[in-house]
Protein backbone atom coordinates (compact mmCIF):
# COMPACT_ATOMS: atom_id res chain seq x y z
CA MET A 1 0.00 0.00 0.00
CA PHE A 2 2.85 2.38 0.88
CA VAL A 3 4.60 1.63 -2.42
CA LEU A 4 1.41 2.24 -4.41
CA ASP A 5 0.77 5.48 -2.54
CA SER A 6 4.33 6.63 -3.23
CA ILE A 7 3.99 5.83 -6.94
CA VAL A 8 0.75 7.83 -7.14
CA THR A 9 2.38 10.76 -5.33
CA VAL A 10 5.43 10.80 -7.63
CA ALA A 11 3.23 10.51 -10.72
CA LEU A 12 1.06 13.38 -9.52
CA MET A 13 4.08 15.55 -8.81
CA LEU A 14 5.52 14.85 -12.26
CA ALA A 15 2.17 15.71 -13.84
CA ILE A 16 2.12 19.03 -11.96
CA LEU A 17 5.69 19.73 -13.06
CA VAL A 18 4.88 19.00 -16.70
CA VAL A 19 1.83 21.28 -16.61
CA LEU A 20 3.75 24.18 -15.05
CA VAL A 21 6.72 23.91 -17.42
CA VAL A 22 4.55 23.40 -20.51
CA VAL A 23 2.53 26.50 -19.60
CA HIS A 24 5.85 28.35 -19.26
CA GLU A 25 7.03 27.12 -22.66
CA VAL A 26 3.70 28.06 -24.26
CA GLY A 27 4.54 31.65 -23.33
CA HIS A 28 7.89 31.43 -25.12
CA PHE A 29 6.22 29.72 -28.08
CA ILE A 30 3.45 32.29 -28.55
CA ALA A 31 5.83 35.25 -28.19
CA ALA A 32 8.34 33.71 -30.61
CA ARG A 33 5.71 32.94 -33.25
CA ARG A 34 4.23 36.43 -33.00
CA ALA A 35 7.70 37.90 -33.42
CA GLY A 36 8.29 35.77 -36.52
CA VAL A 37 11.01 33.64 -34.92
CA LEU A 38 11.36 30.17 -36.40
CA VAL A 39 10.19 27.51 -33.90
CA HIS A 40 11.50 24.08 -34.84
CA GLU A 41 9.88 22.01 -32.08
CA PHE A 42 7.49 22.23 -29.15
CA GLY A 43 8.02 19.25 -26.89
CA ILE A 44 6.10 17.88 -23.92
CA GLY A 45 8.60 16.09 -21.71
CA PHE A 46 12.28 15.70 -22.64
CA PRO A 47 13.89 13.38 -25.22
CA PRO A 48 14.15 10.64 -26.20
CA ARG A 49 11.12 11.22 -28.36
CA ALA A 50 8.11 8.96 -27.87
CA ARG A 51 5.94 10.13 -30.73
CA VAL A 52 5.12 13.04 -33.00
CA LEU A 53 1.80 14.64 -32.03
CA GLY A 54 1.51 16.84 -35.08
CA ARG A 55 3.18 19.31 -37.40
CA ASP A 56 2.29 22.67 -38.88
CA ARG A 57 4.09 24.62 -41.59
CA GLU A 58 7.30 24.90 -39.54
CA THR A 59 6.90 23.43 -36.04
CA LEU A 60 7.02 19.82 -34.91
CA TYR A 61 4.92 18.95 -31.81
CA THR A 62 6.28 16.00 -29.88
CA LEU A 63 5.67 13.86 -26.82
CA ASN A 64 8.85 12.68 -25.12
CA TRP A 65 9.70 9.93 -22.67
CA LEU A 66 11.11 11.90 -19.73
CA PRO A 67 8.13 13.51 -17.88
CA ILE A 68 10.08 16.38 -16.33
CA GLY A 69 8.71 19.41 -18.14
CA GLY A 70 8.81 20.55 -21.74
CA PHE A 71 10.77 22.69 -24.16
CA VAL A 72 10.62 24.98 -27.18
CA ARG A 73 13.47 24.73 -29.71
CA LEU A 74 14.03 28.03 -31.48
CA GLU A 75 16.30 28.70 -34.41
CA GLY A 76 19.47 30.31 -33.10
CA GLU A 77 18.57 30.09 -29.42
CA ASP A 78 22.12 28.96 -28.65
CA GLY A 79 23.43 32.21 -30.17
CA ASP A 80 24.71 30.80 -33.46
CA SER A 81 22.64 31.29 -36.61
CA ASP A 82 22.63 33.46 -39.72
CA ASP A 83 18.93 32.93 -40.38
CA PRO A 84 17.13 36.32 -40.26
CA ARG A 85 14.27 34.58 -38.43
CA SER A 86 16.53 33.18 -35.72
CA PHE A 87 16.23 34.20 -32.09
CA VAL A 88 19.75 35.60 -31.96
CA ARG A 89 19.10 37.94 -34.92
CA GLN A 90 16.15 39.65 -33.27
CA SER A 91 16.36 43.03 -31.57
CA LEU A 92 17.15 43.16 -27.85
CA ARG A 93 13.58 44.20 -27.07
CA VAL A 94 12.09 41.25 -28.98
CA ARG A 95 14.45 38.76 -27.31
CA ILE A 96 13.57 40.10 -23.86
CA VAL A 97 9.85 39.85 -24.62
CA ILE A 98 10.25 36.22 -25.73
CA LEU A 99 12.27 35.35 -22.62
CA LEU A 100 9.82 37.06 -20.26
CA ALA A 101 6.75 35.49 -21.89
CA GLY A 102 7.21 32.22 -19.98
CA VAL A 103 7.41 34.08 -16.68
CA VAL A 104 4.25 36.00 -17.54
CA MET A 105 2.40 32.77 -18.31
CA ASN A 106 3.32 31.25 -14.93
CA PHE A 107 2.24 34.42 -13.13
CA ALA A 108 -1.01 34.38 -15.11
CA LEU A 109 -1.63 30.72 -14.24
CA ALA A 110 -1.07 31.43 -10.53
CA TRP A 111 -3.44 34.39 -10.71
CA LEU A 112 -6.06 32.29 -12.52
CA ILE A 113 -5.83 29.49 -9.95
CA PHE A 114 -5.86 31.78 -6.91
CA GLY A 115 -8.69 33.86 -8.36
CA GLY A 116 -10.71 30.76 -9.21
CA ILE A 117 -10.30 29.39 -5.69
CA ALA A 118 -11.25 32.75 -4.18
CA GLY A 119 -14.43 32.87 -6.23
CA VAL A 120 -15.59 29.25 -6.13
CA ALA A 121 -14.14 27.20 -3.26
CA ASP A 122 -12.27 29.32 -0.72
CA PRO A 123 -12.48 27.60 2.69
CA SER A 124 -12.73 29.80 5.77
CA VAL A 125 -10.67 29.26 8.89
CA THR A 126 -12.22 28.34 12.23
CA VAL A 127 -10.66 28.56 15.68
CA PRO A 128 -11.45 25.56 17.91
CA ILE A 129 -11.13 26.64 21.55
CA HIS A 130 -8.97 24.36 23.70
CA TYR A 131 -8.94 26.38 26.90
CA VAL A 132 -10.61 29.55 28.23
CA GLN A 133 -8.63 31.61 30.73
CA PRO A 134 -10.55 32.32 33.96
CA GLY A 135 -11.61 35.96 34.28
CA SER A 136 -11.01 36.62 30.58
CA PRO A 137 -13.42 38.29 28.13
CA ALA A 138 -14.02 34.84 26.64
CA ALA A 139 -15.02 33.46 30.05
CA ALA A 140 -17.32 36.43 30.67
CA ALA A 141 -19.01 35.76 27.32
CA GLY A 142 -19.61 32.12 28.23
CA LEU A 143 -17.18 30.53 25.77
CA VAL A 144 -16.11 27.00 26.64
CA GLY A 145 -12.92 25.13 25.79
CA ALA A 146 -12.47 21.44 25.13
CA ALA A 147 -10.03 20.83 27.96
CA ASP A 148 -10.66 20.74 31.67
CA ALA A 149 -8.73 23.54 33.38
CA SER A 150 -7.37 21.28 36.14
CA ASP A 151 -5.63 18.47 34.30
CA GLY A 152 -6.22 19.03 30.59
CA THR A 153 -8.45 15.97 30.22
CA PRO A 154 -10.98 16.49 27.44
CA VAL A 155 -14.41 16.61 29.05
CA ARG A 156 -16.49 17.84 26.15
CA THR A 157 -16.25 19.24 22.69
CA GLY A 158 -15.30 22.89 22.95
CA ASP A 159 -16.78 25.89 21.19
CA THR A 160 -15.40 26.97 17.81
CA ILE A 161 -15.12 30.55 16.53
CA LEU A 162 -16.54 30.83 13.02
CA ALA A 163 -16.61 34.57 12.26
CA ILE A 164 -15.95 37.99 13.78
CA ASP A 165 -18.49 40.79 13.20
CA GLY A 166 -19.94 38.66 10.41
CA ARG A 167 -16.59 38.27 8.66
CA ARG A 168 -15.10 34.89 7.89
CA PHE A 169 -11.32 34.69 7.45
CA ALA A 170 -9.89 32.80 4.49
CA TYR A 171 -7.77 29.77 5.35
CA PHE A 172 -5.34 30.52 2.52
CA ASP A 173 -4.68 33.99 3.95
CA LEU A 174 -3.73 32.79 7.42
CA LEU A 175 -0.18 34.14 7.14
CA ARG A 176 -1.57 37.60 6.48
CA GLU A 177 -4.86 37.58 8.41
CA ASP A 178 -5.34 35.30 11.40
CA PRO A 179 -8.46 35.67 13.62
CA LEU A 180 -6.46 35.63 16.87
CA ALA A 181 -4.07 38.24 15.49
CA TRP A 182 -7.12 40.29 14.51
CA PHE A 183 -8.27 40.29 18.14
CA ARG A 184 -4.88 41.62 19.24
CA GLN A 185 -5.05 44.36 16.63
CA HIS A 186 -8.41 45.62 17.99
CA PRO A 187 -7.88 45.90 21.77
CA GLY A 188 -10.72 47.21 23.91
CA GLN A 189 -13.32 46.90 21.15
CA SER A 190 -16.70 45.20 21.46
CA VAL A 191 -17.10 42.55 18.78
CA THR A 192 -19.71 39.98 17.88
CA ILE A 193 -18.36 36.46 17.49
CA SER A 194 -20.18 33.67 15.69
CA VAL A 195 -19.62 30.55 17.77
CA ALA A 196 -20.42 26.92 16.98
CA ARG A 197 -21.25 25.46 20.38
CA GLY A 198 -19.73 22.17 21.38
CA SER A 199 -23.17 21.16 22.60
CA GLY A 200 -24.71 22.03 19.23
CA GLY A 201 -26.03 25.10 17.47
CA VAL A 202 -24.48 28.45 16.50
CA ASP A 203 -24.70 31.55 18.71
CA GLU A 204 -23.80 35.21 18.23
CA VAL A 205 -21.80 36.31 21.27
CA THR A 206 -20.83 39.91 22.02
CA VAL A 207 -17.54 40.32 23.86
CA THR A 208 -15.37 43.29 24.84
CA LEU A 209 -11.71 42.55 24.20
CA ARG A 210 -9.00 43.32 26.72
CA PRO A 211 -7.45 46.79 26.46
CA ALA A 212 -3.94 47.06 25.04
CA ASN A 213 -2.26 47.49 28.44
CA GLU A 214 -3.64 44.13 29.63
CA ILE A 215 -2.51 42.13 26.58
CA SER A 216 0.70 40.12 26.79
CA THR A 217 2.22 36.97 25.35
CA GLU A 218 0.34 34.87 27.91
CA ARG A 219 -2.82 37.00 27.97
CA GLY A 220 -4.41 37.47 24.56
CA ALA A 221 -7.10 39.99 23.72
CA LEU A 222 -9.86 37.37 23.98
CA GLY A 223 -8.32 35.08 26.58
CA ILE A 224 -8.35 31.67 24.91
CA VAL A 225 -5.89 28.97 23.94
CA ALA A 226 -6.73 27.67 20.46
CA ALA A 227 -6.54 24.03 19.40
CA GLY A 228 -4.93 24.86 16.08
CA ARG A 229 -7.06 26.01 13.16
CA GLY A 230 -9.90 24.27 11.38
CA LEU A 231 -11.72 24.45 8.06
CA GLY A 232 -15.07 26.18 7.81
CA GLU A 233 -17.61 26.98 5.12
CA ASP A 234 -16.48 28.44 1.81
CA ILE A 235 -16.40 32.22 1.55
CA GLU A 236 -18.66 33.76 -1.08
CA ARG A 237 -17.24 36.54 -3.30
CA SER A 238 -18.21 38.39 -6.44
CA PRO A 239 -16.10 37.75 -9.57
CA LEU A 240 -14.44 41.15 -9.22
CA GLU A 241 -13.55 40.50 -5.57
CA ALA A 242 -12.19 37.07 -6.49
CA VAL A 243 -9.92 38.62 -9.14
CA GLY A 244 -8.58 41.06 -6.56
CA VAL A 245 -7.99 38.35 -3.96
CA GLY A 246 -6.31 36.18 -6.60
CA TRP A 247 -3.93 38.99 -7.51
CA GLN A 248 -3.07 39.67 -3.86
CA ARG A 249 -2.32 35.99 -3.29
CA THR A 250 -0.12 35.93 -6.40
CA VAL A 251 1.85 38.86 -5.01
CA ASP A 252 2.04 37.20 -1.58
CA ALA A 253 3.28 33.94 -3.12
CA SER A 254 5.95 35.82 -5.08
CA LEU A 255 7.16 37.65 -1.98
CA LEU A 256 7.15 34.36 -0.09
CA VAL A 257 9.60 32.74 -2.50
CA LEU A 258 11.81 35.86 -2.55
CA ASN A 259 12.00 35.79 1.24
CA ALA A 260 12.70 32.06 1.15
CA LEU A 261 15.55 32.57 -1.32
CA ARG A 262 16.99 35.33 0.85
CA ASP A 263 16.88 33.04 3.86
CA LEU A 264 18.32 30.18 1.80
CA PHE A 265 21.53 32.01 0.94
CA GLY A 266 21.80 33.16 4.53
CA GLN A 267 21.39 29.61 5.90
CA LEU A 268 23.07 27.32 3.40
CA ASP A 269 24.26 25.13 6.28
CA ASP A 270 20.61 24.37 7.14
CA PRO A 271 18.31 25.47 4.29
CA GLN A 272 14.68 25.91 5.30
CA VAL A 273 13.30 25.53 1.78
CA SER A 274 12.10 22.42 0.00
CA GLY A 275 13.58 20.80 -3.06
CA PRO A 276 11.93 18.20 -5.30
CA ILE A 277 11.80 15.60 -2.51
CA GLY A 278 10.22 18.02 -0.05
CA ILE A 279 7.69 19.14 -2.63
CA ALA A 280 6.81 15.53 -3.42
CA ASN A 281 6.26 14.92 0.29
CA ALA A 282 4.00 17.97 0.46
CA VAL A 283 2.02 16.72 -2.55
CA GLY A 284 1.54 13.34 -0.88
CA THR A 285 0.46 14.86 2.42
CA ILE A 286 -2.02 17.23 0.80
CA ARG A 287 -3.41 14.52 -1.48
CA SER A 288 -4.08 12.13 1.37
CA GLN A 289 -5.12 14.47 4.19
CA LEU A 290 -6.72 17.63 2.76
CA PRO A 291 -9.51 18.58 0.35
CA PRO A 292 -8.57 18.78 -3.38
CA VAL A 293 -8.64 22.59 -3.35
CA PHE A 294 -5.43 22.55 -1.29
CA LEU A 295 -3.62 20.63 -4.02
CA LEU A 296 -4.87 23.15 -6.58
CA TYR A 297 -3.63 25.95 -4.33
CA LEU A 298 -0.20 24.27 -4.18
CA VAL A 299 -0.10 24.24 -8.00
CA GLY A 300 -0.76 27.99 -8.00
CA LEU A 301 1.95 28.51 -5.40
CA LEU A 302 4.46 26.48 -7.41
CA SER A 303 3.56 28.36 -10.59
CA ALA A 304 4.25 31.71 -8.90
CA ASN A 305 7.49 30.30 -7.49
CA LEU A 306 8.58 29.09 -10.93
CA ALA A 307 7.90 32.55 -12.36
CA VAL A 308 9.94 34.32 -9.68
CA ILE A 309 12.88 31.91 -9.90
CA ASN A 310 12.97 32.17 -13.69
CA VAL A 311 13.00 35.97 -13.70
CA LEU A 312 16.00 36.18 -11.35
CA PRO A 313 19.25 37.24 -13.09
CA LEU A 314 20.85 33.83 -12.57
CA PRO A 315 22.13 31.72 -15.47
CA PRO A 316 20.68 29.62 -16.98
CA MET A 317 17.26 31.05 -15.99
CA ASP A 318 15.38 33.37 -18.34
CA GLY A 319 16.37 36.30 -16.14
CA GLY A 320 20.01 35.25 -16.44
CA ARG A 321 19.76 35.15 -20.22
CA ILE A 322 18.19 38.59 -20.18
CA ALA A 323 21.02 39.85 -17.95
CA VAL A 324 23.64 38.42 -20.32
CA SER A 325 21.86 39.99 -23.30
CA LEU A 326 21.84 43.38 -21.57
CA ILE A 327 25.53 43.08 -20.66
CA LYS A 328 26.38 42.17 -24.24
CA ALA A 329 24.42 45.16 -25.50
CA VAL A 330 26.26 47.50 -23.12
CA ALA A 331 29.62 45.90 -23.97
CA GLY A 332 28.96 46.32 -27.66
CA GLY A 333 29.02 42.60 -28.38
CA ARG A 334 32.55 42.11 -27.07
CA ILE A 335 31.47 39.03 -25.08
CA SER A 336 32.18 35.92 -27.13
CA LEU A 337 29.65 33.16 -27.79
CA ALA A 338 31.98 30.71 -26.01
CA ALA A 339 32.02 32.89 -22.89
CA GLU A 340 28.23 33.17 -22.96
CA ARG A 341 27.80 29.41 -23.23
CA ALA A 342 30.33 28.85 -20.44
CA THR A 343 28.33 31.21 -18.23
CA TYR A 344 25.15 29.21 -18.78
CA LEU A 345 26.99 25.92 -18.18
CA VAL A 346 28.51 27.10 -14.90
CA GLY A 347 25.13 28.46 -13.79
CA PHE A 348 23.45 25.15 -14.60
CA VAL A 349 26.06 23.16 -12.65
CA LEU A 350 25.73 25.44 -9.61
CA LEU A 351 21.94 25.26 -9.75
CA PHE A 352 22.01 21.46 -9.97
CA ALA A 353 24.46 21.27 -7.07
CA LEU A 354 22.17 23.53 -4.99
CA LEU A 355 19.19 21.27 -5.72
CA ILE A 356 21.17 18.23 -4.59
CA TRP A 357 22.25 20.04 -1.41
CA ILE A 358 18.67 21.04 -0.56
CA SER A 359 17.45 17.53 -1.34
CA LEU A 360 19.86 16.08 1.23
CA PHE A 361 18.18 18.18 3.90
CA ASP A 362 14.75 17.15 2.56
CA ILE A 363 15.74 13.52 3.12
CA GLN A 364 17.03 14.33 6.58
CA ARG A 365 13.77 16.05 7.55
CA LEU A 366 11.75 13.11 6.23
CA GLY A 367 13.84 10.78 8.39
CA THR A 368 13.20 12.79 11.54
């Protein structure tokens, strides 16, 4: 059973990878064709070739055996071609547009996914109450926790906070907007809390939060200890609101990966980011333990991450190729083709070594 589950997880991760990379390559393909650049091949997966899917007047569409992404083969993409329709013979502006098109497609996919979730199936977050502090605003309002105050033995199902002043908080925005953090940000205010009673039913409870001078690490604004976070009903939004929320989450995801990369290079001796093995583990956990919308959200997150990583000025990423093109333009073409290729090769080796290094820590975390 474990082996079968692992096979399904790996297959699912590879399928996600192929979708994300193919979407990225579609951006390059569309931009290149619109610019009149000759596109020899659009491949799903990497060679060896499994079969030819089709052919138009100049492009071969192929399916390949290695399910680790996809590619677009342009005339002159390696910097060596006399064909006027080759990539290397295009203006700097056209080449930059073609290189950025893949990044734009991944950002657009993330926005589409996040916006779709926000508009159709965006679960709210609930706060199950584990313990109510004696003499707290929560105790005065009659809220009840799941644990007995004397020895922590569960004696009943506790109350659960569903909404504050009629507002439900989105589970996928927990890092930015958490209900308990909201209480701390509104000290001394009277708020109405929607509470699902452990004994059954939903009540509207009005409570006055502690003033700022009475709030500390041990004493929150409401006076409860939460038993983690739970999933509530989906939040309803208009299409326009969903588009806005989707955009904000795309920006948040992009900033998240930038912060992670900053922390990575500051903690190379113990990287706190996930490589392919860590991502596969996350896919397996989400697939087996959470609703399908969480897996879709992960795809959006990975798409935004792929966009950010590709736009960084690091060879051999698209951003690195743009950086080299700009340097060559400033240097008046005095950088040789051999030096350019060596730069991409060194960048690829360093990137591959970094992935191996991160994967070693992924394996270590799985073992512990």
